[in-house]
């Protein structure tokens, strides 16, 4: 097991996501962005991408990392500014996997805030050029991040297939996720460009997530797309830490589209069995899956939206 140190408090703020709604009400442990002037020029924006700010607190000391960077620099920079995220106080950047909707906005950090000298954690297979080939014959190209450009900005690129501990061993980057579920079989129309041209790449091995253990409450898991399979992501976090309680799961579960809708049922069943306290199914989860989770887990379900912050504290009851 990985020696993950518990935290007193964990806050997850959604910086980039597919959905924004400034009229949504908050609840216990869930704070929504409070827009005060719709006439202002700058407002939060949504796009097909994901980025989350994770802040952990131990003995009154707070530290933050940024997980993923959304698709475009314009969206990431705008939302960071509006949410008043103290970018210069970030301790690390983590890329969930090499698809552009999770790293494309990172250059905004350097354009706006200069060279940050931050460590950036990434799986070595994230640099591959990739594409999705649809049954219609259409293709969606997924450009990878540029290591040269990142290093030119002063980022310390750290490649790792396995687990990495950050922030005094309070944040675990999962590394490559163990695949054990029978029904999560990857993305069959996904390809990577290798030594012999375009080759099938259904497993997307670079998919990795963040794990925090809130003292007395259990795990908080943040996942960009869960290409490893959302149930595999969940069970892998439990296996790595030895902690079975799950206080929260935030991020994409990649259950959208005809290829993945058949596994919505068993995925929902597994999350119900895990007894998750808070679930924010964001980004690529898909309309049908989001509604299935909302029906099956009405007390745990929280509609994610850009600017929302969910808090998990080391106390009994609901987060907050």
C-alpha atoms as a PDB file:
ATOM      1  CA  UNK A   1       0.000   0.000   0.000  1.00  0.00           C
ATOM      2  CA  UNK A   2       1.026   3.598  -0.606  1.00  0.00           C
ATOM      3  CA  UNK A   3       1.594   5.591   2.631  1.00  0.00           C
ATOM      4  CA  UNK A   4      -0.925   8.346   1.896  1.00  0.00           C
ATOM      5  CA  UNK A   5      -1.145  10.779   4.815  1.00  0.00           C
ATOM      6  CA  UNK A   6      -4.670  11.887   5.831  1.00  0.00           C
ATOM      7  CA  UNK A   7      -5.734  15.521   5.541  1.00  0.00           C
ATOM      8  CA  UNK A   8      -8.056  17.607   7.697  1.00  0.00           C
ATOM      9  CA  UNK A   9      -9.828  19.115   4.737  1.00  0.00           C
ATOM     10  CA  UNK A  10      -9.940  18.786   0.954  1.00  0.00           C
ATOM     11  CA  UNK A  11     -11.529  21.251  -1.460  1.00  0.00           C
ATOM     12  CA  UNK A  12     -12.115  20.538  -5.140  1.00  0.00           C
ATOM     13  CA  UNK A  13     -12.981  23.480  -7.393  1.00  0.00           C
ATOM     14  CA  UNK A  14     -14.068  22.821 -10.967  1.00  0.00           C
ATOM     15  CA  UNK A  15     -12.144  25.292 -13.117  1.00  0.00           C
ATOM     16  CA  UNK A  16     -13.069  23.945 -16.577  1.00  0.00           C
ATOM     17  CA  UNK A  17     -15.972  21.666 -17.450  1.00  0.00           C
ATOM     18  CA  UNK A  18     -18.600  21.183 -20.157  1.00  0.00           C
ATOM     19  CA  UNK A  19     -21.300  22.935 -18.144  1.00  0.00           C
ATOM     20  CA  UNK A  20     -21.847  26.285 -16.454  1.00  0.00           C
ATOM     21  CA  UNK A  21     -24.920  27.490 -14.543  1.00  0.00           C
ATOM     22  CA  UNK A  22     -24.555  30.517 -12.281  1.00  0.00           C
ATOM     23  CA  UNK A  23     -28.107  30.137 -10.944  1.00  0.00           C
ATOM     24  CA  UNK A  24     -27.573  26.766  -9.270  1.00  0.00           C
ATOM     25  CA  UNK A  25     -27.967  26.725  -5.519  1.00  0.00           C
ATOM     26  CA  UNK A  26     -25.318  25.395  -3.206  1.00  0.00           C
ATOM     27  CA  UNK A  27     -25.843  22.866  -0.437  1.00  0.00           C
ATOM     28  CA  UNK A  28     -23.987  21.438   2.556  1.00  0.00           C
ATOM     29  CA  UNK A  29     -20.362  21.258   1.508  1.00  0.00           C
ATOM     30  CA  UNK A  30     -21.061  22.592  -2.004  1.00  0.00           C
ATOM     31  CA  UNK A  31     -20.391  26.242  -2.861  1.00  0.00           C
ATOM     32  CA  UNK A  32     -21.442  27.684  -6.198  1.00  0.00           C
ATOM     33  CA  UNK A  33     -19.794  30.636  -7.914  1.00  0.00           C
ATOM     34  CA  UNK A  34     -21.629  33.817  -6.974  1.00  0.00           C
ATOM     35  CA  UNK A  35     -21.994  36.015 -10.043  1.00  0.00           C
ATOM     36  CA  UNK A  36     -22.720  39.608  -9.007  1.00  0.00           C
ATOM     37  CA  UNK A  37     -22.873  41.443 -12.339  1.00  0.00           C
ATOM     38  CA  UNK A  38     -23.980  39.813 -15.566  1.00  0.00           C
ATOM     39  CA  UNK A  39     -23.136  42.990 -17.377  1.00  0.00           C
ATOM     40  CA  UNK A  40     -19.444  42.496 -16.633  1.00  0.00           C
ATOM     41  CA  UNK A  41     -17.410  41.585 -19.672  1.00  0.00           C
ATOM     42  CA  UNK A  42     -15.674  38.562 -18.168  1.00  0.00           C
ATOM     43  CA  UNK A  43     -17.819  35.646 -17.075  1.00  0.00           C
ATOM     44  CA  UNK A  44     -17.084  31.992 -16.429  1.00  0.00           C
ATOM     45  CA  UNK A  45     -17.106  29.882 -19.592  1.00  0.00           C
ATOM     46  CA  UNK A  46     -17.628  26.185 -20.256  1.00  0.00           C
ATOM     47  CA  UNK A  47     -15.974  24.080 -22.935  1.00  0.00           C
ATOM     48  CA  UNK A  48     -15.398  20.425 -23.757  1.00  0.00           C
ATOM     49  CA  UNK A  49     -12.532  19.991 -21.329  1.00  0.00           C
ATOM     50  CA  UNK A  50     -11.690  19.514 -17.692  1.00  0.00           C
ATOM     51  CA  UNK A  51      -9.573  21.191 -15.043  1.00  0.00           C
ATOM     52  CA  UNK A  52      -9.824  21.072 -11.267  1.00  0.00           C
ATOM     53  CA  UNK A  53      -8.067  22.812  -8.404  1.00  0.00           C
ATOM     54  CA  UNK A  54      -7.363  20.556  -5.423  1.00  0.00           C
ATOM     55  CA  UNK A  55      -6.565  22.220  -2.098  1.00  0.00           C
ATOM     56  CA  UNK A  56      -5.664  20.192   0.976  1.00  0.00           C
ATOM     57  CA  UNK A  57      -5.373  21.436   4.541  1.00  0.00           C
ATOM     58  CA  UNK A  58      -3.346  19.875   7.362  1.00  0.00           C
ATOM     59  CA  UNK A  59      -2.942  21.576  10.756  1.00  0.00           C
ATOM     60  CA  UNK A  60      -4.086  24.870   9.259  1.00  0.00           C
ATOM     61  CA  UNK A  61      -1.601  24.750   6.347  1.00  0.00           C
ATOM     62  CA  UNK A  62      -3.156  24.845   2.878  1.00  0.00           C
ATOM     63  CA  UNK A  63      -1.537  23.709  -0.377  1.00  0.00           C
ATOM     64  CA  UNK A  64      -2.944  23.435  -3.897  1.00  0.00           C
ATOM     65  CA  UNK A  65      -2.301  21.615  -7.156  1.00  0.00           C
ATOM     66  CA  UNK A  66      -3.920  22.037 -10.561  1.00  0.00           C
ATOM     67  CA  UNK A  67      -5.138  18.862 -12.226  1.00  0.00           C
ATOM     68  CA  UNK A  68      -5.520  19.247 -16.001  1.00  0.00           C
ATOM     69  CA  UNK A  69      -5.797  22.446 -18.018  1.00  0.00           C
ATOM     70  CA  UNK A  70      -8.939  22.244 -20.110  1.00  0.00           C
ATOM     71  CA  UNK A  71      -8.950  22.571 -23.903  1.00  0.00           C
ATOM     72  CA  UNK A  72      -8.134  26.219 -24.614  1.00  0.00           C
ATOM     73  CA  UNK A  73      -5.903  28.839 -22.986  1.00  0.00           C
ATOM     74  CA  UNK A  74      -8.726  31.389 -23.209  1.00  0.00           C
ATOM     75  CA  UNK A  75     -11.105  29.329 -21.051  1.00  0.00           C
ATOM     76  CA  UNK A  76      -8.523  28.289 -18.462  1.00  0.00           C
ATOM     77  CA  UNK A  77      -7.067  31.785 -18.079  1.00  0.00           C
ATOM     78  CA  UNK A  78     -10.459  33.458 -17.849  1.00  0.00           C
ATOM     79  CA  UNK A  79     -11.840  31.028 -15.286  1.00  0.00           C
ATOM     80  CA  UNK A  80      -8.715  31.100 -13.133  1.00  0.00           C
ATOM     81  CA  UNK A  81      -8.892  34.896 -13.070  1.00  0.00           C
ATOM     82  CA  UNK A  82     -12.600  35.094 -12.297  1.00  0.00           C
ATOM     83  CA  UNK A  83     -12.318  32.452  -9.570  1.00  0.00           C
ATOM     84  CA  UNK A  84      -9.291  34.341  -8.188  1.00  0.00           C
ATOM     85  CA  UNK A  85      -7.168  31.217  -8.049  1.00  0.00           C
ATOM     86  CA  UNK A  86      -3.721  32.117  -6.616  1.00  0.00           C
ATOM     87  CA  UNK A  87      -1.802  30.535  -9.486  1.00  0.00           C
ATOM     88  CA  UNK A  88       1.598  31.606  -8.176  1.00  0.00           C
ATOM     89  CA  UNK A  89       0.966  29.555  -5.031  1.00  0.00           C
ATOM     90  CA  UNK A  90       0.355  26.284  -6.885  1.00  0.00           C
ATOM     91  CA  UNK A  91       2.696  23.490  -5.857  1.00  0.00           C
ATOM     92  CA  UNK A  92       2.366  21.193  -8.889  1.00  0.00           C
ATOM     93  CA  UNK A  93       0.576  20.518 -12.169  1.00  0.00           C
ATOM     94  CA  UNK A  94      -0.770  17.095 -13.076  1.00  0.00           C
ATOM     95  CA  UNK A  95      -1.949  15.965 -16.518  1.00  0.00           C
ATOM     96  CA  UNK A  96      -4.523  13.171 -16.392  1.00  0.00           C
ATOM     97  CA  UNK A  97      -3.723  11.917 -19.909  1.00  0.00           C
ATOM     98  CA  UNK A  98      -2.514  13.203 -23.258  1.00  0.00           C
ATOM     99  CA  UNK A  99      -5.772  14.305 -24.891  1.00  0.00           C
ATOM    100  CA  UNK A 100      -5.910  17.988 -25.791  1.00  0.00           C
ATOM    101  CA  UNK A 101      -9.065  18.729 -23.766  1.00  0.00           C
ATOM    102  CA  UNK A 102      -7.020  18.111 -20.617  1.00  0.00           C
ATOM    103  CA  UNK A 103      -3.777  19.953 -21.368  1.00  0.00           C
ATOM    104  CA  UNK A 104      -4.550  22.461 -24.127  1.00  0.00           C
ATOM    105  CA  UNK A 105      -5.082  25.396 -21.806  1.00  0.00           C
ATOM    106  CA  UNK A 106      -1.913  25.063 -19.753  1.00  0.00           C
ATOM    107  CA  UNK A 107       0.023  27.583 -21.828  1.00  0.00           C
ATOM    108  CA  UNK A 108      -2.292  30.224 -20.369  1.00  0.00           C
ATOM    109  CA  UNK A 109      -0.556  29.784 -17.026  1.00  0.00           C
ATOM    110  CA  UNK A 110       2.779  30.796 -18.474  1.00  0.00           C
ATOM    111  CA  UNK A 111       1.446  33.577 -20.697  1.00  0.00           C
ATOM    112  CA  UNK A 112      -0.285  35.267 -17.767  1.00  0.00           C
ATOM    113  CA  UNK A 113       1.906  34.410 -14.807  1.00  0.00           C
ATOM    114  CA  UNK A 114       5.383  33.841 -16.255  1.00  0.00           C
ATOM    115  CA  UNK A 115       7.738  30.940 -15.635  1.00  0.00           C
ATOM    116  CA  UNK A 116       6.456  29.051 -12.635  1.00  0.00           C
ATOM    117  CA  UNK A 117       9.202  26.437 -12.090  1.00  0.00           C
ATOM    118  CA  UNK A 118       6.496  23.944 -11.205  1.00  0.00           C
ATOM    119  CA  UNK A 119       6.785  20.165 -11.329  1.00  0.00           C
ATOM    120  CA  UNK A 120       4.422  18.694 -13.920  1.00  0.00           C
ATOM    121  CA  UNK A 121       3.490  15.032 -13.448  1.00  0.00           C
ATOM    122  CA  UNK A 122       2.681  13.106 -16.609  1.00  0.00           C
ATOM    123  CA  UNK A 123       2.615   9.496 -17.794  1.00  0.00           C
ATOM    124  CA  UNK A 124       5.245   8.770 -20.504  1.00  0.00           C
ATOM    125  CA  UNK A 125       2.609   7.591 -23.003  1.00  0.00           C
ATOM    126  CA  UNK A 126       0.805  10.937 -22.865  1.00  0.00           C
ATOM    127  CA  UNK A 127       3.121  12.376 -25.549  1.00  0.00           C
ATOM    128  CA  UNK A 128       1.650  10.185 -28.311  1.00  0.00           C
ATOM    129  CA  UNK A 129      -0.253  11.638 -31.244  1.00  0.00           C
ATOM    130  CA  UNK A 130      -3.740  10.136 -31.221  1.00  0.00           C
ATOM    131  CA  UNK A 131      -7.082  10.148 -32.950  1.00  0.00           C
ATOM    132  CA  UNK A 132     -10.579   8.726 -32.712  1.00  0.00           C
ATOM    133  CA  UNK A 133     -11.924   7.090 -35.882  1.00  0.00           C
ATOM    134  CA  UNK A 134     -15.719   7.075 -35.893  1.00  0.00           C
ATOM    135  CA  UNK A 135     -17.785   4.367 -37.601  1.00  0.00           C
ATOM    136  CA  UNK A 136     -18.786   6.973 -40.186  1.00  0.00           C
ATOM    137  CA  UNK A 137     -15.147   7.312 -41.218  1.00  0.00           C
ATOM    138  CA  UNK A 138     -14.791  10.739 -39.649  1.00  0.00           C
ATOM    139  CA  UNK A 139     -11.743  11.381 -37.488  1.00  0.00           C
ATOM    140  CA  UNK A 140     -11.100  13.509 -34.418  1.00  0.00           C
ATOM    141  CA  UNK A 141      -7.424  14.302 -33.940  1.00  0.00           C
ATOM    142  CA  UNK A 142      -6.141  14.602 -30.379  1.00  0.00           C
ATOM    143  CA  UNK A 143      -2.811  16.465 -30.354  1.00  0.00           C
ATOM    144  CA  UNK A 144      -0.538  15.685 -27.393  1.00  0.00           C
ATOM    145  CA  UNK A 145       1.229  18.198 -25.166  1.00  0.00           C
ATOM    146  CA  UNK A 146       4.650  19.407 -26.299  1.00  0.00           C
ATOM    147  CA  UNK A 147       7.427  18.512 -23.897  1.00  0.00           C
ATOM    148  CA  UNK A 148       9.745  21.029 -25.535  1.00  0.00           C
ATOM    149  CA  UNK A 149       7.256  23.860 -25.091  1.00  0.00           C
ATOM    150  CA  UNK A 150       6.551  22.932 -21.479  1.00  0.00           C
ATOM    151  CA  UNK A 151      10.217  22.747 -20.555  1.00  0.00           C
ATOM    152  CA  UNK A 152      10.854  26.052 -22.350  1.00  0.00           C
ATOM    153  CA  UNK A 153       8.387  27.613 -19.896  1.00  0.00           C
ATOM    154  CA  UNK A 154      10.426  26.392 -16.951  1.00  0.00           C
ATOM    155  CA  UNK A 155       8.194  23.464 -16.002  1.00  0.00           C
ATOM    156  CA  UNK A 156       9.998  20.477 -14.499  1.00  0.00           C
ATOM    157  CA  UNK A 157       8.503  17.571 -16.436  1.00  0.00           C
ATOM    158  CA  UNK A 158       8.350  14.387 -14.358  1.00  0.00           C
ATOM    159  CA  UNK A 159       7.420  11.227 -16.260  1.00  0.00           C
ATOM    160  CA  UNK A 160       6.110   8.404 -14.136  1.00  0.00           C
ATOM    161  CA  UNK A 161       4.130   5.254 -14.883  1.00  0.00           C
ATOM    162  CA  UNK A 162       3.672   4.404 -11.234  1.00  0.00           C
ATOM    163  CA  UNK A 163       2.387   6.296  -8.228  1.00  0.00           C
ATOM    164  CA  UNK A 164       3.726   9.652  -7.034  1.00  0.00           C
ATOM    165  CA  UNK A 165       3.139  11.321  -3.686  1.00  0.00           C
ATOM    166  CA  UNK A 166       2.868  15.124  -3.518  1.00  0.00           C
ATOM    167  CA  UNK A 167       2.441  17.767  -0.811  1.00  0.00           C
ATOM    168  CA  UNK A 168       4.120  15.913   2.046  1.00  0.00           C
ATOM    169  CA  UNK A 169       2.505  12.624   1.012  1.00  0.00           C
ATOM    170  CA  UNK A 170      -1.054  13.974   1.245  1.00  0.00           C
ATOM    171  CA  UNK A 171      -1.880  13.783  -2.483  1.00  0.00           C
ATOM    172  CA  UNK A 172      -1.411  10.611  -4.499  1.00  0.00           C
ATOM    173  CA  UNK A 173      -1.105  10.639  -8.283  1.00  0.00           C
ATOM    174  CA  UNK A 174      -2.342   7.172  -9.155  1.00  0.00           C
ATOM    175  CA  UNK A 175      -0.107   6.509 -12.118  1.00  0.00           C
ATOM    176  CA  UNK A 176      -1.187   3.732 -14.457  1.00  0.00           C
ATOM    177  CA  UNK A 177      -4.485   2.269 -13.238  1.00  0.00           C
ATOM    178  CA  UNK A 178      -4.860  -1.453 -12.732  1.00  0.00           C
ATOM    179  CA  UNK A 179      -7.595  -2.824 -15.031  1.00  0.00           C
ATOM    180  CA  UNK A 180      -9.657  -5.520 -13.327  1.00  0.00           C
ATOM    181  CA  UNK A 181     -13.353  -5.054 -14.147  1.00  0.00           C
ATOM    182  CA  UNK A 182     -14.816  -7.416 -16.712  1.00  0.00           C
ATOM    183  CA  UNK A 183     -16.987  -4.850 -18.512  1.00  0.00           C
ATOM    184  CA  UNK A 184     -14.583  -1.901 -18.890  1.00  0.00           C
ATOM    185  CA  UNK A 185     -12.716  -2.735 -22.078  1.00  0.00           C
ATOM    186  CA  UNK A 186     -11.322   0.600 -23.177  1.00  0.00           C
ATOM    187  CA  UNK A 187     -12.046   2.791 -26.202  1.00  0.00           C
ATOM    188  CA  UNK A 188     -12.106   0.542 -29.303  1.00  0.00           C
ATOM    189  CA  UNK A 189     -12.073   3.351 -31.887  1.00  0.00           C
ATOM    190  CA  UNK A 190      -9.051   5.102 -30.348  1.00  0.00           C
ATOM    191  CA  UNK A 191      -5.679   5.011 -32.175  1.00  0.00           C
ATOM    192  CA  UNK A 192      -2.126   6.176 -31.505  1.00  0.00           C
ATOM    193  CA  UNK A 193       0.651   6.937 -33.994  1.00  0.00           C
ATOM    194  CA  UNK A 194       3.632   4.666 -33.374  1.00  0.00           C
ATOM    195  CA  UNK A 195       6.684   3.303 -35.176  1.00  0.00           C
ATOM    196  CA  UNK A 196       4.491   1.454 -37.656  1.00  0.00           C
ATOM    197  CA  UNK A 197       1.946   4.179 -38.287  1.00  0.00           C
ATOM    198  CA  UNK A 198      -1.493   4.344 -36.753  1.00  0.00           C
ATOM    199  CA  UNK A 199      -2.162   1.481 -34.383  1.00  0.00           C
ATOM    200  CA  UNK A 200      -5.101   0.587 -32.115  1.00  0.00           C
ATOM    201  CA  UNK A 201      -4.770   2.186 -28.668  1.00  0.00           C
ATOM    202  CA  UNK A 202      -7.972   1.206 -26.855  1.00  0.00           C
ATOM    203  CA  UNK A 203      -6.585   1.087 -23.318  1.00  0.00           C
ATOM    204  CA  UNK A 204      -5.155   4.644 -23.053  1.00  0.00           C
ATOM    205  CA  UNK A 205      -2.684   3.528 -20.393  1.00  0.00           C
ATOM    206  CA  UNK A 206      -1.651   7.068 -19.463  1.00  0.00           C
ATOM    207  CA  UNK A 207      -4.985   7.734 -17.747  1.00  0.00           C
ATOM    208  CA  UNK A 208      -4.270   8.706 -14.124  1.00  0.00           C
ATOM    209  CA  UNK A 209      -6.103  10.407 -11.286  1.00  0.00           C
ATOM    210  CA  UNK A 210      -5.628  12.138  -7.928  1.00  0.00           C
ATOM    211  CA  UNK A 211      -6.418  10.556  -4.560  1.00  0.00           C
ATOM    212  CA  UNK A 212      -6.715  12.216  -1.136  1.00  0.00           C
ATOM    213  CA  UNK A 213      -7.602  10.589   2.194  1.00  0.00           C
ATOM    214  CA  UNK A 214      -9.735  12.834   4.409  1.00  0.00           C
ATOM    215  CA  UNK A 215      -9.172  11.870   8.022  1.00  0.00           C
ATOM    216  CA  UNK A 216     -12.034   9.735   9.303  1.00  0.00           C
ATOM    217  CA  UNK A 217     -14.011  10.135   6.087  1.00  0.00           C
ATOM    218  CA  UNK A 218     -12.253   8.215   3.354  1.00  0.00           C
ATOM    219  CA  UNK A 219     -11.003   8.862  -0.143  1.00  0.00           C
ATOM    220  CA  UNK A 220     -11.639  11.744  -2.502  1.00  0.00           C
ATOM    221  CA  UNK A 221     -10.863  10.738  -6.102  1.00  0.00           C
ATOM    222  CA  UNK A 222     -10.515  13.259  -8.949  1.00  0.00           C
ATOM    223  CA  UNK A 223     -10.501  11.782 -12.446  1.00  0.00           C
ATOM    224  CA  UNK A 224     -10.215  13.592 -15.760  1.00  0.00           C
ATOM    225  CA  UNK A 225     -11.907  11.099 -18.093  1.00  0.00           C
ATOM    226  CA  UNK A 226     -11.604   7.679 -16.415  1.00  0.00           C
ATOM    227  CA  UNK A 227     -10.440   6.077 -19.656  1.00  0.00           C
ATOM    228  CA  UNK A 228      -9.193   3.250 -17.434  1.00  0.00           C
ATOM    229  CA  UNK A 229     -12.847   2.679 -16.526  1.00  0.00           C
ATOM    230  CA  UNK A 230     -14.516   4.549 -13.686  1.00  0.00           C
ATOM    231  CA  UNK A 231     -14.919   1.391 -11.606  1.00  0.00           C
ATOM    232  CA  UNK A 232     -11.265   0.492 -12.175  1.00  0.00           C
ATOM    233  CA  UNK A 233     -10.286   4.022 -11.087  1.00  0.00           C
ATOM    234  CA  UNK A 234     -12.343   3.656  -7.915  1.00  0.00           C
ATOM    235  CA  UNK A 235     -11.126   0.171  -7.020  1.00  0.00           C
ATOM    236  CA  UNK A 236      -7.526   1.067  -7.844  1.00  0.00           C
ATOM    237  CA  UNK A 237      -7.660   3.978  -5.374  1.00  0.00           C
ATOM    238  CA  UNK A 238      -8.973   1.642  -2.681  1.00  0.00           C
ATOM    239  CA  UNK A 239      -6.306  -0.957  -3.457  1.00  0.00           C
ATOM    240  CA  UNK A 240      -3.436   1.547  -3.422  1.00  0.00           C
ATOM    241  CA  UNK A 241      -4.420   3.142  -0.122  1.00  0.00           C
ATOM    242  CA  UNK A 242      -6.087   0.293   1.734  1.00  0.00           C
ATOM    243  CA  UNK A 243      -8.972   2.678   2.501  1.00  0.00           C
ATOM    244  CA  UNK A 244     -12.387   1.396   1.402  1.00  0.00           C
ATOM    245  CA  UNK A 245     -14.541   4.387   2.353  1.00  0.00           C
ATOM    246  CA  UNK A 246     -15.126   6.872  -0.467  1.00  0.00           C
ATOM    247  CA  UNK A 247     -16.012  10.410   0.574  1.00  0.00           C
ATOM    248  CA  UNK A 248     -16.165  11.703  -2.976  1.00  0.00           C
ATOM    249  CA  UNK A 249     -15.593  11.168  -6.681  1.00  0.00           C
ATOM    250  CA  UNK A 250     -15.239  14.211  -8.945  1.00  0.00           C
ATOM    251  CA  UNK A 251     -14.663  14.269 -12.687  1.00  0.00           C
ATOM    252  CA  UNK A 252     -15.348  12.509 -15.960  1.00  0.00           C
ATOM    253  CA  UNK A 253     -16.519   8.900 -16.141  1.00  0.00           C
ATOM    254  CA  UNK A 254     -16.540   8.587 -19.969  1.00  0.00           C
ATOM    255  CA  UNK A 255     -19.916   6.930 -20.362  1.00  0.00           C
ATOM    256  CA  UNK A 256     -21.169   9.084 -23.211  1.00  0.00           C
ATOM    257  CA  UNK A 257     -22.028   7.744 -26.663  1.00  0.00           C
ATOM    258  CA  UNK A 258     -23.284   4.436 -28.001  1.00  0.00           C
ATOM    259  CA  UNK A 259     -20.080   2.532 -27.286  1.00  0.00           C
ATOM    260  CA  UNK A 260     -20.239   3.222 -23.553  1.00  0.00           C
ATOM    261  CA  UNK A 261     -23.937   3.500 -22.747  1.00  0.00           C
ATOM    262  CA  UNK A 262     -24.250  -0.315 -22.356  1.00  0.00           C
ATOM    263  CA  UNK A 263     -21.967  -0.173 -19.289  1.00  0.00           C
ATOM    264  CA  UNK A 264     -23.795   2.638 -17.525  1.00  0.00           C
ATOM    265  CA  UNK A 265     -25.817   0.114 -15.498  1.00  0.00           C
ATOM    266  CA  UNK A 266     -22.949  -1.909 -14.007  1.00  0.00           C
ATOM    267  CA  UNK A 267     -20.936   1.273 -13.408  1.00  0.00           C
ATOM    268  CA  UNK A 268     -23.796   2.838 -11.454  1.00  0.00           C
ATOM    269  CA  UNK A 269     -24.259  -0.409  -9.514  1.00  0.00           C
ATOM    270  CA  UNK A 270     -20.581  -0.426  -8.511  1.00  0.00           C
ATOM    271  CA  UNK A 271     -20.729   3.190  -7.336  1.00  0.00           C
ATOM    272  CA  UNK A 272     -23.858   2.478  -5.315  1.00  0.00           C
ATOM    273  CA  UNK A 273     -22.111  -0.505  -3.716  1.00  0.00           C
ATOM    274  CA  UNK A 274     -19.127   1.690  -2.821  1.00  0.00           C
ATOM    275  CA  UNK A 275     -21.318   3.940  -0.665  1.00  0.00           C
ATOM    276  CA  UNK A 276     -19.958   7.172  -2.120  1.00  0.00           C
ATOM    277  CA  UNK A 277     -20.932  10.260  -0.103  1.00  0.00           C
ATOM    278  CA  UNK A 278     -20.542  12.840  -2.873  1.00  0.00           C
ATOM    279  CA  UNK A 279     -20.494  12.258  -6.628  1.00  0.00           C
ATOM    280  CA  UNK A 280     -19.905  14.988  -9.216  1.00  0.00           C
ATOM    281  CA  UNK A 281     -20.017  13.228 -12.631  1.00  0.00           C
ATOM    282  CA  UNK A 282     -18.491  15.868 -14.912  1.00  0.00           C
ATOM    283  CA  UNK A 283     -17.043  16.394 -18.404  1.00  0.00           C
ATOM    284  CA  UNK A 284     -17.398  13.231 -20.517  1.00  0.00           C
ATOM    285  CA  UNK A 285     -19.805  11.313 -18.277  1.00  0.00           C
ATOM    286  CA  UNK A 286     -22.704  11.896 -20.667  1.00  0.00           C
ATOM    287  CA  UNK A 287     -26.352  12.940 -20.279  1.00  0.00           C
ATOM    288  CA  UNK A 288     -27.784   9.442 -19.837  1.00  0.00           C
ATOM    289  CA  UNK A 289     -25.177   8.407 -17.285  1.00  0.00           C
ATOM    290  CA  UNK A 290     -25.480  11.631 -15.278  1.00  0.00           C
ATOM    291  CA  UNK A 291     -29.224  11.097 -14.951  1.00  0.00           C
ATOM    292  CA  UNK A 292     -28.748   7.427 -14.064  1.00  0.00           C
ATOM    293  CA  UNK A 293     -26.376   8.419 -11.248  1.00  0.00           C
ATOM    294  CA  UNK A 294     -28.779  11.118 -10.061  1.00  0.00           C
ATOM    295  CA  UNK A 295     -31.607   8.579  -9.810  1.00  0.00           C
ATOM    296  CA  UNK A 296     -29.524   5.858  -8.135  1.00  0.00           C
ATOM    297  CA  UNK A 297     -27.620   8.140  -5.728  1.00  0.00           C
ATOM    298  CA  UNK A 298     -29.957  11.051  -4.973  1.00  0.00           C
ATOM    299  CA  UNK A 299     -28.293  11.938  -1.676  1.00  0.00           C
ATOM    300  CA  UNK A 300     -24.758  11.757  -3.079  1.00  0.00           C
ATOM    301  CA  UNK A 301     -25.323  13.333  -6.483  1.00  0.00           C
ATOM    302  CA  UNK A 302     -24.176  16.922  -7.070  1.00  0.00           C
ATOM    303  CA  UNK A 303     -24.576  18.533 -10.488  1.00  0.00           C
ATOM    304  CA  UNK A 304     -21.077  19.729 -11.439  1.00  0.00           C
ATOM    305  CA  UNK A 305     -20.569  23.140 -13.001  1.00  0.00           C
ATOM    306  CA  UNK A 306     -17.687  25.498 -13.621  1.00  0.00           C
ATOM    307  CA  UNK A 307     -16.914  27.451 -10.466  1.00  0.00           C
ATOM    308  CA  UNK A 308     -18.391  24.913  -8.046  1.00  0.00           C
ATOM    309  CA  UNK A 309     -16.368  23.925  -4.979  1.00  0.00           C
ATOM    310  CA  UNK A 310     -17.058  20.771  -2.979  1.00  0.00           C
ATOM    311  CA  UNK A 311     -15.505  20.521   0.484  1.00  0.00           C
ATOM    312  CA  UNK A 312     -14.705  17.386   2.460  1.00  0.00           C
ATOM    313  CA  UNK A 313     -13.824  17.865   6.131  1.00  0.00           C
ATOM    314  CA  UNK A 314     -12.560  15.463   8.777  1.00  0.00           C
ATOM    315  CA  UNK A 315     -15.873  15.237  10.605  1.00  0.00           C
ATOM    316  CA  UNK A 316     -18.972  13.083  10.694  1.00  0.00           C
ATOM    317  CA  UNK A 317     -21.874  13.649   8.360  1.00  0.00           C
ATOM    318  CA  UNK A 318     -21.832  15.336   4.980  1.00  0.00           C
ATOM    319  CA  UNK A 319     -18.852  17.263   3.550  1.00  0.00           C
ATOM    320  CA  UNK A 320     -18.400  20.768   4.867  1.00  0.00           C
END
